[in-house]
Amino acid sequence: YGTLLGSRACVHMAAAAWGSGFLNALLHTANTFSLPLCHGNVVDQFFCEIPQILKLSCSDSSYLREVGLLVFTAFLSFACFVFIVLSYVQIFRDVLRISSEQGRHKAFSTCLPHLAVVGLFISTSFFAYLKPPAISSPSLDLVVAVLYSVVPPVLNSFIYSMKNRELKDAVKELIQRTLFHQQ
């Protein structure tokens, strides 16, 4: 990134990401603490998240304010996703200009899985935060929460680790052992 964009652009992008994340967390935290809870204080989830807290709220105005914040956050997240997709379109255009088949394969082997992980994260988090309350259930909420909070970081680690030749060989060996032991 530093070569193509310059260090100043990288610093601005990092500052925008950190700043918007901090502002988003601050707004949601401040609003969440102002919610009056009249349905107890037990959350049907393994971690405390906004949709679960909203189920406990008894104030329509606070609820609507938080839903407005969630819609705004969804808009920002979607804008980021569009930026990522446009960036990948540019990357794919440049990768297709690479003359060697091996070079194109190497570039696509990282880009496509990463884009799939980002897509999984954005789509499941949109679903978790913007789905109508009528289709909510504790088990569905739990599955969706795991899909956007646990699976993408695990997959990202796996994707980037697979660039390591030793790890690739170890995974291939593990798969072969598993397949031969099952037969």
N, C-alpha and C. Protein backbone atom coordinates (compact mmCIF):
# COMPACT_ATOMS: atom_id res chain seq x y z
N TYR A 1 0.81 -1.19 0.00
CA TYR A 1 0.00 0.00 0.00
C TYR A 1 0.86 1.26 0.00
N GLY A 2 1.92 1.23 0.78
CA GLY A 2 2.77 2.41 0.87
C GLY A 2 3.37 2.79 -0.46
N THR A 3 3.65 1.82 -1.32
CA THR A 3 4.25 2.11 -2.62
C THR A 3 3.22 2.70 -3.57
N LEU A 4 2.04 2.12 -3.63
CA LEU A 4 1.02 2.57 -4.58
C LEU A 4 0.28 3.82 -4.13
N LEU A 5 -0.01 3.93 -2.86
CA LEU A 5 -0.83 5.03 -2.38
C LEU A 5 -0.03 6.13 -1.71
N GLY A 6 1.09 5.80 -1.19
CA GLY A 6 1.87 6.75 -0.41
C GLY A 6 1.51 6.61 1.06
N SER A 7 2.47 6.91 1.91
CA SER A 7 2.26 6.72 3.34
C SER A 7 1.20 7.64 3.89
N ARG A 8 1.05 8.83 3.33
CA ARG A 8 0.05 9.78 3.81
C ARG A 8 -1.37 9.23 3.60
N ALA A 9 -1.63 8.66 2.42
CA ALA A 9 -2.95 8.07 2.15
C ALA A 9 -3.22 6.89 3.07
N CYS A 10 -2.20 6.09 3.34
CA CYS A 10 -2.36 4.95 4.25
C CYS A 10 -2.71 5.43 5.66
N VAL A 11 -2.05 6.49 6.10
CA VAL A 11 -2.34 7.03 7.43
C VAL A 11 -3.76 7.58 7.48
N HIS A 12 -4.19 8.27 6.42
CA HIS A 12 -5.56 8.79 6.39
C HIS A 12 -6.59 7.66 6.41
N MET A 13 -6.35 6.60 5.64
CA MET A 13 -7.30 5.48 5.63
C MET A 13 -7.35 4.80 6.99
N ALA A 14 -6.20 4.61 7.60
CA ALA A 14 -6.17 3.98 8.93
C ALA A 14 -6.87 4.87 9.95
N ALA A 15 -6.62 6.16 9.90
CA ALA A 15 -7.27 7.09 10.84
C ALA A 15 -8.77 7.11 10.63
N ALA A 16 -9.21 7.06 9.39
CA ALA A 16 -10.66 7.04 9.11
C ALA A 16 -11.29 5.76 9.65
N ALA A 17 -10.63 4.64 9.46
CA ALA A 17 -11.16 3.37 9.95
C ALA A 17 -11.24 3.37 11.47
N TRP A 18 -10.15 3.76 12.13
CA TRP A 18 -10.12 3.77 13.59
C TRP A 18 -11.09 4.82 14.14
N GLY A 19 -11.11 5.99 13.54
CA GLY A 19 -11.98 7.06 14.01
C GLY A 19 -13.45 6.72 13.86
N SER A 20 -13.84 6.19 12.71
CA SER A 20 -15.25 5.84 12.51
C SER A 20 -15.66 4.69 13.42
N GLY A 21 -14.77 3.74 13.63
CA GLY A 21 -15.07 2.64 14.55
C GLY A 21 -15.25 3.13 15.98
N PHE A 22 -14.37 4.02 16.41
CA PHE A 22 -14.47 4.58 17.75
C PHE A 22 -15.74 5.40 17.91
N LEU A 23 -16.06 6.25 16.93
CA LEU A 23 -17.27 7.06 16.99
C LEU A 23 -18.52 6.18 17.02
N ASN A 24 -18.53 5.16 16.19
CA ASN A 24 -19.66 4.23 16.17
C ASN A 24 -19.84 3.56 17.52
N ALA A 25 -18.76 3.05 18.08
CA ALA A 25 -18.83 2.38 19.39
C ALA A 25 -19.27 3.36 20.47
N LEU A 26 -18.76 4.58 20.44
CA LEU A 26 -19.12 5.59 21.43
C LEU A 26 -20.60 5.93 21.36
N LEU A 27 -21.13 6.14 20.16
CA LEU A 27 -22.54 6.47 20.01
C LEU A 27 -23.44 5.33 20.50
N HIS A 28 -23.12 4.11 20.11
CA HIS A 28 -23.94 2.97 20.53
C HIS A 28 -23.83 2.73 22.03
N THR A 29 -22.65 2.87 22.58
CA THR A 29 -22.48 2.66 24.02
C THR A 29 -23.24 3.71 24.82
N ALA A 30 -23.12 4.96 24.43
CA ALA A 30 -23.83 6.03 25.13
C ALA A 30 -25.34 5.82 25.05
N ASN A 31 -25.82 5.46 23.89
CA ASN A 31 -27.26 5.25 23.74
C ASN A 31 -27.72 4.01 24.49
N THR A 32 -26.93 2.96 24.47
CA THR A 32 -27.30 1.73 25.16
C THR A 32 -27.42 1.96 26.66
N PHE A 33 -26.50 2.73 27.23
CA PHE A 33 -26.57 3.02 28.66
C PHE A 33 -27.76 3.88 29.03
N SER A 34 -28.34 4.57 28.05
CA SER A 34 -29.51 5.41 28.35
C SER A 34 -30.82 4.64 28.18
N LEU A 35 -30.77 3.40 27.72
CA LEU A 35 -31.99 2.61 27.53
C LEU A 35 -32.55 2.15 28.87
N PRO A 36 -33.83 2.43 29.12
CA PRO A 36 -34.44 1.85 30.32
C PRO A 36 -34.79 0.37 30.04
N LEU A 37 -34.38 -0.51 30.93
CA LEU A 37 -34.63 -1.94 30.76
C LEU A 37 -35.78 -2.35 31.66
N CYS A 38 -36.84 -2.88 31.08
CA CYS A 38 -37.97 -3.29 31.89
C CYS A 38 -38.28 -4.78 31.74
N HIS A 39 -37.51 -5.47 30.94
CA HIS A 39 -37.72 -6.91 30.74
C HIS A 39 -36.57 -7.70 31.37
N GLY A 40 -36.06 -7.23 32.47
CA GLY A 40 -34.95 -7.90 33.15
C GLY A 40 -33.62 -7.45 32.57
N ASN A 41 -32.58 -8.15 32.95
CA ASN A 41 -31.25 -7.81 32.45
C ASN A 41 -30.47 -9.04 31.96
N VAL A 42 -31.19 -10.09 31.60
CA VAL A 42 -30.56 -11.31 31.11
C VAL A 42 -30.62 -11.31 29.58
N VAL A 43 -29.47 -11.43 28.97
CA VAL A 43 -29.38 -11.43 27.52
C VAL A 43 -29.27 -12.88 27.05
N ASP A 44 -30.10 -13.26 26.06
CA ASP A 44 -30.09 -14.62 25.52
C ASP A 44 -28.99 -14.78 24.47
N GLN A 45 -27.75 -14.58 24.88
CA GLN A 45 -26.64 -14.63 23.95
C GLN A 45 -25.37 -14.90 24.74
N PHE A 46 -24.34 -15.32 24.06
CA PHE A 46 -23.09 -15.56 24.77
C PHE A 46 -22.26 -14.29 24.91
N PHE A 47 -22.66 -13.21 24.25
CA PHE A 47 -22.07 -11.90 24.50
C PHE A 47 -23.15 -10.84 24.34
N CYS A 48 -22.91 -9.72 24.94
CA CYS A 48 -23.90 -8.65 25.00
C CYS A 48 -23.81 -7.80 23.74
N GLU A 49 -24.85 -7.82 22.92
CA GLU A 49 -24.85 -7.02 21.71
C GLU A 49 -26.15 -6.24 21.59
N ILE A 50 -26.15 -5.26 20.74
CA ILE A 50 -27.23 -4.28 20.68
C ILE A 50 -28.62 -4.89 20.43
N PRO A 51 -28.80 -5.74 19.42
CA PRO A 51 -30.16 -6.27 19.22
C PRO A 51 -30.72 -7.00 20.45
N GLN A 52 -29.84 -7.68 21.19
CA GLN A 52 -30.29 -8.39 22.39
C GLN A 52 -30.68 -7.40 23.49
N ILE A 53 -29.96 -6.30 23.61
CA ILE A 53 -30.30 -5.28 24.61
C ILE A 53 -31.59 -4.58 24.24
N LEU A 54 -31.80 -4.36 22.95
CA LEU A 54 -33.02 -3.69 22.50
C LEU A 54 -34.27 -4.51 22.85
N LYS A 55 -34.12 -5.83 22.89
CA LYS A 55 -35.26 -6.68 23.27
C LYS A 55 -35.67 -6.44 24.73
N LEU A 56 -34.73 -5.98 25.55
CA LEU A 56 -35.01 -5.75 26.97
C LEU A 56 -35.54 -4.34 27.24
N SER A 57 -35.48 -3.47 26.25
CA SER A 57 -35.87 -2.07 26.44
C SER A 57 -37.38 -1.90 26.41
N CYS A 58 -37.84 -0.93 27.19
CA CYS A 58 -39.28 -0.65 27.20
C CYS A 58 -39.58 0.78 26.75
N SER A 59 -38.60 1.49 26.25
CA SER A 59 -38.78 2.87 25.81
C SER A 59 -38.79 2.92 24.29
N ASP A 60 -39.91 3.38 23.72
CA ASP A 60 -40.00 3.46 22.26
C ASP A 60 -39.04 4.49 21.68
N SER A 61 -38.87 5.64 22.35
CA SER A 61 -37.99 6.67 21.80
C SER A 61 -36.53 6.22 21.81
N SER A 62 -36.09 5.59 22.90
CA SER A 62 -34.71 5.08 22.95
C SER A 62 -34.52 3.97 21.94
N TYR A 63 -35.52 3.13 21.81
CA TYR A 63 -35.47 2.03 20.85
C TYR A 63 -35.32 2.59 19.43
N LEU A 64 -36.14 3.58 19.09
CA LEU A 64 -36.09 4.16 17.75
C LEU A 64 -34.76 4.89 17.51
N ARG A 65 -34.23 5.54 18.54
CA ARG A 65 -32.93 6.20 18.41
C ARG A 65 -31.84 5.17 18.12
N GLU A 66 -31.86 4.05 18.82
CA GLU A 66 -30.86 3.01 18.61
C GLU A 66 -31.03 2.36 17.24
N VAL A 67 -32.27 2.14 16.82
CA VAL A 67 -32.51 1.57 15.49
C VAL A 67 -32.00 2.54 14.42
N GLY A 68 -32.20 3.83 14.64
CA GLY A 68 -31.66 4.84 13.72
C GLY A 68 -30.14 4.77 13.64
N LEU A 69 -29.50 4.60 14.80
CA LEU A 69 -28.04 4.45 14.82
C LEU A 69 -27.61 3.18 14.08
N LEU A 70 -28.38 2.12 14.26
CA LEU A 70 -28.05 0.87 13.56
C LEU A 70 -28.18 1.02 12.05
N VAL A 71 -29.22 1.72 11.60
CA VAL A 71 -29.41 1.94 10.17
C VAL A 71 -28.26 2.80 9.63
N PHE A 72 -27.87 3.83 10.39
CA PHE A 72 -26.74 4.67 9.99
C PHE A 72 -25.46 3.84 9.91
N THR A 73 -25.24 2.98 10.90
CA THR A 73 -24.07 2.11 10.90
C THR A 73 -24.11 1.16 9.70
N ALA A 74 -25.30 0.63 9.40
CA ALA A 74 -25.44 -0.26 8.24
C ALA A 74 -25.11 0.49 6.96
N PHE A 75 -25.54 1.74 6.86
CA PHE A 75 -25.22 2.54 5.68
C PHE A 75 -23.71 2.73 5.55
N LEU A 76 -23.04 3.08 6.67
CA LEU A 76 -21.58 3.25 6.63
C LEU A 76 -20.89 1.94 6.28
N SER A 77 -21.37 0.84 6.86
CA SER A 77 -20.78 -0.47 6.56
C SER A 77 -20.95 -0.83 5.09
N PHE A 78 -22.13 -0.53 4.56
CA PHE A 78 -22.37 -0.81 3.15
C PHE A 78 -21.47 0.06 2.27
N ALA A 79 -21.29 1.32 2.65
CA ALA A 79 -20.39 2.20 1.90
C ALA A 79 -18.96 1.65 1.92
N CYS A 80 -18.53 1.16 3.08
CA CYS A 80 -17.20 0.53 3.17
C CYS A 80 -17.11 -0.70 2.28
N PHE A 81 -18.18 -1.50 2.28
CA PHE A 81 -18.20 -2.69 1.45
C PHE A 81 -18.10 -2.32 -0.03
N VAL A 82 -18.82 -1.28 -0.44
CA VAL A 82 -18.75 -0.83 -1.83
C VAL A 82 -17.33 -0.37 -2.16
N PHE A 83 -16.70 0.36 -1.23
CA PHE A 83 -15.32 0.80 -1.42
C PHE A 83 -14.39 -0.42 -1.57
N ILE A 84 -14.60 -1.43 -0.75
CA ILE A 84 -13.78 -2.65 -0.84
C ILE A 84 -13.99 -3.34 -2.18
N VAL A 85 -15.24 -3.45 -2.62
CA VAL A 85 -15.53 -4.09 -3.90
C VAL A 85 -14.89 -3.31 -5.04
N LEU A 86 -15.02 -1.99 -5.03
CA LEU A 86 -14.39 -1.17 -6.07
C LEU A 86 -12.88 -1.32 -6.04
N SER A 87 -12.30 -1.41 -4.85
CA SER A 87 -10.86 -1.63 -4.74
C SER A 87 -10.47 -2.97 -5.34
N TYR A 88 -11.28 -3.99 -5.08
CA TYR A 88 -10.99 -5.30 -5.63
C TYR A 88 -11.17 -5.34 -7.14
N VAL A 89 -12.12 -4.59 -7.66
CA VAL A 89 -12.27 -4.50 -9.12
C VAL A 89 -10.99 -3.96 -9.72
N GLN A 90 -10.44 -2.91 -9.11
CA GLN A 90 -9.17 -2.35 -9.58
C GLN A 90 -8.05 -3.36 -9.45
N ILE A 91 -8.01 -4.08 -8.33
CA ILE A 91 -6.98 -5.10 -8.12
C ILE A 91 -7.10 -6.20 -9.18
N PHE A 92 -8.35 -6.66 -9.44
CA PHE A 92 -8.55 -7.73 -10.43
C PHE A 92 -8.14 -7.26 -11.83
N ARG A 93 -8.44 -6.00 -12.14
CA ARG A 93 -8.02 -5.48 -13.45
C ARG A 93 -6.50 -5.52 -13.58
N ASP A 94 -5.82 -5.13 -12.51
CA ASP A 94 -4.35 -5.16 -12.54
C ASP A 94 -3.81 -6.58 -12.56
N VAL A 95 -4.45 -7.47 -11.81
CA VAL A 95 -3.99 -8.87 -11.77
C VAL A 95 -4.16 -9.52 -13.13
N LEU A 96 -5.24 -9.20 -13.83
CA LEU A 96 -5.46 -9.80 -15.15
C LEU A 96 -4.42 -9.33 -16.17
N ARG A 97 -3.74 -8.24 -15.86
CA ARG A 97 -2.66 -7.75 -16.75
C ARG A 97 -1.35 -8.49 -16.51
N ILE A 98 -1.27 -9.27 -15.43
CA ILE A 98 -0.05 -10.03 -15.15
C ILE A 98 0.10 -11.10 -16.23
N SER A 99 1.28 -11.17 -16.80
CA SER A 99 1.47 -12.08 -17.94
C SER A 99 1.55 -13.55 -17.54
N SER A 100 2.11 -13.83 -16.38
CA SER A 100 2.28 -15.24 -16.01
C SER A 100 1.02 -15.80 -15.32
N GLU A 101 0.69 -17.02 -15.70
CA GLU A 101 -0.46 -17.72 -15.11
C GLU A 101 -0.25 -17.92 -13.62
N GLN A 102 0.97 -18.24 -13.22
CA GLN A 102 1.28 -18.48 -11.81
C GLN A 102 1.10 -17.20 -10.99
N GLY A 103 1.50 -16.07 -11.55
CA GLY A 103 1.34 -14.79 -10.85
C GLY A 103 -0.11 -14.44 -10.65
N ARG A 104 -0.94 -14.67 -11.68
CA ARG A 104 -2.39 -14.39 -11.56
C ARG A 104 -3.01 -15.32 -10.53
N HIS A 105 -2.64 -16.59 -10.56
CA HIS A 105 -3.19 -17.55 -9.60
C HIS A 105 -2.84 -17.16 -8.17
N LYS A 106 -1.60 -16.75 -7.96
CA LYS A 106 -1.15 -16.38 -6.63
C LYS A 106 -1.95 -15.17 -6.11
N ALA A 107 -2.18 -14.19 -6.97
CA ALA A 107 -2.92 -13.00 -6.56
C ALA A 107 -4.38 -13.34 -6.27
N PHE A 108 -5.01 -14.12 -7.16
CA PHE A 108 -6.42 -14.47 -6.96
C PHE A 108 -6.62 -15.39 -5.76
N SER A 109 -5.63 -16.21 -5.44
CA SER A 109 -5.79 -17.16 -4.34
C SER A 109 -5.94 -16.46 -3.00
N THR A 110 -5.48 -15.22 -2.89
CA THR A 110 -5.67 -14.45 -1.66
C THR A 110 -6.86 -13.52 -1.77
N CYS A 111 -7.02 -12.89 -2.91
CA CYS A 111 -8.08 -11.88 -3.07
C CYS A 111 -9.49 -12.46 -2.96
N LEU A 112 -9.76 -13.52 -3.69
CA LEU A 112 -11.12 -14.07 -3.70
C LEU A 112 -11.58 -14.58 -2.34
N PRO A 113 -10.76 -15.36 -1.62
CA PRO A 113 -11.21 -15.79 -0.29
C PRO A 113 -11.41 -14.62 0.68
N HIS A 114 -10.54 -13.63 0.59
CA HIS A 114 -10.68 -12.47 1.47
C HIS A 114 -11.98 -11.74 1.17
N LEU A 115 -12.30 -11.55 -0.09
CA LEU A 115 -13.55 -10.89 -0.47
C LEU A 115 -14.75 -11.71 0.00
N ALA A 116 -14.66 -13.03 -0.06
CA ALA A 116 -15.75 -13.88 0.43
C ALA A 116 -15.93 -13.72 1.93
N VAL A 117 -14.84 -13.63 2.68
CA VAL A 117 -14.92 -13.45 4.14
C VAL A 117 -15.54 -12.10 4.47
N VAL A 118 -15.13 -11.06 3.76
CA VAL A 118 -15.71 -9.73 3.98
C VAL A 118 -17.21 -9.76 3.66
N GLY A 119 -17.57 -10.41 2.57
CA GLY A 119 -18.98 -10.54 2.21
C GLY A 119 -19.78 -11.29 3.26
N LEU A 120 -19.20 -12.36 3.80
CA LEU A 120 -19.86 -13.11 4.87
C LEU A 120 -20.07 -12.23 6.10
N PHE A 121 -19.03 -11.49 6.49
CA PHE A 121 -19.13 -10.62 7.65
C PHE A 121 -20.20 -9.55 7.45
N ILE A 122 -20.18 -8.86 6.34
CA ILE A 122 -21.13 -7.77 6.09
C ILE A 122 -22.56 -8.31 6.00
N SER A 123 -22.76 -9.38 5.25
CA SER A 123 -24.13 -9.89 5.06
C SER A 123 -24.72 -10.44 6.36
N THR A 124 -23.94 -11.19 7.13
CA THR A 124 -24.50 -11.73 8.38
C THR A 124 -24.68 -10.65 9.43
N SER A 125 -23.80 -9.66 9.47
CA SER A 125 -24.00 -8.58 10.44
C SER A 125 -25.20 -7.72 10.05
N PHE A 126 -25.40 -7.48 8.75
CA PHE A 126 -26.61 -6.77 8.32
C PHE A 126 -27.85 -7.54 8.76
N PHE A 127 -27.83 -8.85 8.53
CA PHE A 127 -28.97 -9.67 8.91
C PHE A 127 -29.20 -9.63 10.42
N ALA A 128 -28.13 -9.73 11.18
CA ALA A 128 -28.26 -9.74 12.64
C ALA A 128 -28.84 -8.44 13.17
N TYR A 129 -28.41 -7.33 12.61
CA TYR A 129 -28.81 -6.04 13.17
C TYR A 129 -30.05 -5.44 12.52
N LEU A 130 -30.39 -5.86 11.30
CA LEU A 130 -31.50 -5.22 10.59
C LEU A 130 -32.69 -6.13 10.34
N LYS A 131 -32.62 -7.37 10.80
CA LYS A 131 -33.75 -8.27 10.57
C LYS A 131 -34.95 -7.84 11.42
N PRO A 132 -36.15 -8.10 10.94
CA PRO A 132 -37.33 -7.76 11.73
C PRO A 132 -37.38 -8.61 13.01
N PRO A 133 -37.81 -8.03 14.12
CA PRO A 133 -37.88 -8.80 15.37
C PRO A 133 -38.78 -10.03 15.27
N ALA A 134 -39.72 -10.02 14.33
CA ALA A 134 -40.65 -11.15 14.20
C ALA A 134 -39.95 -12.45 13.82
N ILE A 135 -38.82 -12.37 13.12
CA ILE A 135 -38.14 -13.61 12.71
C ILE A 135 -36.97 -13.94 13.64
N SER A 136 -36.95 -13.32 14.79
CA SER A 136 -35.86 -13.54 15.73
C SER A 136 -36.15 -14.74 16.63
N SER A 137 -35.11 -15.52 16.87
CA SER A 137 -35.19 -16.61 17.84
C SER A 137 -33.81 -16.73 18.47
N PRO A 138 -33.72 -17.21 19.72
CA PRO A 138 -32.40 -17.31 20.37
C PRO A 138 -31.40 -18.15 19.58
N SER A 139 -31.85 -19.26 19.00
CA SER A 139 -30.91 -20.11 18.27
C SER A 139 -30.46 -19.45 16.97
N LEU A 140 -31.37 -18.81 16.24
CA LEU A 140 -31.00 -18.11 15.02
C LEU A 140 -30.06 -16.95 15.34
N ASP A 141 -30.37 -16.19 16.37
CA ASP A 141 -29.51 -15.07 16.77
C ASP A 141 -28.11 -15.55 17.13
N LEU A 142 -28.02 -16.68 17.81
CA LEU A 142 -26.72 -17.23 18.20
C LEU A 142 -25.91 -17.64 16.97
N VAL A 143 -26.55 -18.35 16.04
CA VAL A 143 -25.85 -18.80 14.83
C VAL A 143 -25.36 -17.60 14.03
N VAL A 144 -26.21 -16.60 13.86
CA VAL A 144 -25.83 -15.41 13.09
C VAL A 144 -24.70 -14.66 13.79
N ALA A 145 -24.78 -14.54 15.11
CA ALA A 145 -23.72 -13.85 15.86
C ALA A 145 -22.37 -14.56 15.70
N VAL A 146 -22.39 -15.88 15.73
CA VAL A 146 -21.15 -16.63 15.53
C VAL A 146 -20.64 -16.44 14.10
N LEU A 147 -21.58 -16.41 13.13
CA LEU A 147 -21.17 -16.25 11.74
C LEU A 147 -20.46 -14.92 11.48
N TYR A 148 -20.87 -13.86 12.17
CA TYR A 148 -20.20 -12.59 11.88
C TYR A 148 -19.12 -12.22 12.88
N SER A 149 -19.09 -12.86 14.05
CA SER A 149 -18.08 -12.45 15.04
C SER A 149 -16.94 -13.45 15.20
N VAL A 150 -17.16 -14.71 14.89
CA VAL A 150 -16.14 -15.74 15.10
C VAL A 150 -15.58 -16.26 13.78
N VAL A 151 -16.46 -16.58 12.84
CA VAL A 151 -16.02 -17.23 11.60
C VAL A 151 -15.09 -16.34 10.76
N PRO A 152 -15.42 -15.06 10.50
CA PRO A 152 -14.49 -14.27 9.66
C PRO A 152 -13.07 -14.14 10.20
N PRO A 153 -12.85 -13.86 11.50
CA PRO A 153 -11.46 -13.81 11.96
C PRO A 153 -10.73 -15.15 11.83
N VAL A 154 -11.45 -16.24 12.07
CA VAL A 154 -10.83 -17.56 11.93
C VAL A 154 -10.47 -17.82 10.46
N LEU A 155 -11.41 -17.51 9.56
CA LEU A 155 -11.15 -17.73 8.14
C LEU A 155 -10.02 -16.83 7.64
N ASN A 156 -10.00 -15.58 8.07
CA ASN A 156 -8.93 -14.67 7.66
C ASN A 156 -7.57 -15.20 8.09
N SER A 157 -7.49 -15.66 9.32
CA SER A 157 -6.22 -16.23 9.80
C SER A 157 -5.82 -17.42 8.95
N PHE A 158 -6.77 -18.26 8.64
CA PHE A 158 -6.50 -19.44 7.83
C PHE A 158 -6.05 -19.05 6.42
N ILE A 159 -6.75 -18.09 5.81
CA ILE A 159 -6.43 -17.67 4.44
C ILE A 159 -5.01 -17.13 4.37
N TYR A 160 -4.66 -16.24 5.30
CA TYR A 160 -3.33 -15.65 5.25
C TYR A 160 -2.25 -16.63 5.68
N SER A 161 -2.60 -17.59 6.50
CA SER A 161 -1.63 -18.60 6.90
C SER A 161 -1.32 -19.56 5.76
N MET A 162 -2.28 -19.73 4.87
CA MET A 162 -2.08 -20.68 3.77
C MET A 162 -1.05 -20.18 2.74
N LYS A 163 -0.55 -18.98 2.91
CA LYS A 163 0.55 -18.52 2.05
C LYS A 163 1.85 -19.19 2.45
N ASN A 164 1.90 -19.69 3.67
CA ASN A 164 3.09 -20.33 4.20
C ASN A 164 3.17 -21.76 3.66
N ARG A 165 4.25 -22.07 2.96
CA ARG A 165 4.42 -23.39 2.34
C ARG A 165 4.41 -24.51 3.37
N GLU A 166 5.07 -24.33 4.51
CA GLU A 166 5.11 -25.37 5.54
C GLU A 166 3.71 -25.67 6.08
N LEU A 167 2.92 -24.63 6.27
CA LEU A 167 1.55 -24.84 6.76
C LEU A 167 0.70 -25.55 5.71
N LYS A 168 0.87 -25.16 4.45
CA LYS A 168 0.14 -25.84 3.37
C LYS A 168 0.46 -27.34 3.37
N ASP A 169 1.73 -27.65 3.48
CA ASP A 169 2.14 -29.05 3.48
C ASP A 169 1.56 -29.80 4.68
N ALA A 170 1.55 -29.15 5.84
CA ALA A 170 1.01 -29.79 7.04
C ALA A 170 -0.49 -30.03 6.90
N VAL A 171 -1.23 -29.08 6.31
CA VAL A 171 -2.67 -29.26 6.11
C VAL A 171 -2.94 -30.38 5.12
N LYS A 172 -2.16 -30.42 4.03
CA LYS A 172 -2.32 -31.51 3.05
C LYS A 172 -2.07 -32.87 3.70
N GLU A 173 -1.01 -32.95 4.52
CA GLU A 173 -0.69 -34.20 5.20
C GLU A 173 -1.81 -34.60 6.16
N LEU A 174 -2.35 -33.64 6.89
CA LEU A 174 -3.45 -33.91 7.81
C LEU A 174 -4.68 -34.42 7.08
N ILE A 175 -5.00 -33.80 5.95
CA ILE A 175 -6.15 -34.23 5.15
C ILE A 175 -5.92 -35.64 4.62
N GLN A 176 -4.74 -35.91 4.13
CA GLN A 176 -4.44 -37.24 3.60
C GLN A 176 -4.53 -38.30 4.69
N ARG A 177 -3.98 -38.01 5.87
CA ARG A 177 -4.07 -38.96 6.99
C ARG A 177 -5.53 -39.22 7.36
N THR A 178 -6.31 -38.15 7.40
CA THR A 178 -7.73 -38.29 7.75
C THR A 178 -8.46 -39.14 6.73
N LEU A 179 -8.20 -38.89 5.44
CA LEU A 179 -8.87 -39.65 4.40
C LEU A 179 -8.46 -41.11 4.40
N PHE A 180 -7.17 -41.39 4.61
CA PHE A 180 -6.70 -42.78 4.59
C PHE A 180 -7.15 -43.56 5.81
N HIS A 181 -7.32 -42.89 6.95
CA HIS A 181 -7.78 -43.57 8.16
C HIS A 181 -9.26 -43.89 8.10
N GLN A 182 -10.01 -43.12 7.30
CA GLN A 182 -11.46 -43.36 7.20
C GLN A 182 -11.76 -44.51 6.26
N GLN A 183 -10.86 -44.83 5.35
CA GLN A 183 -11.14 -45.88 4.35
C GLN A 183 -10.91 -47.26 4.89
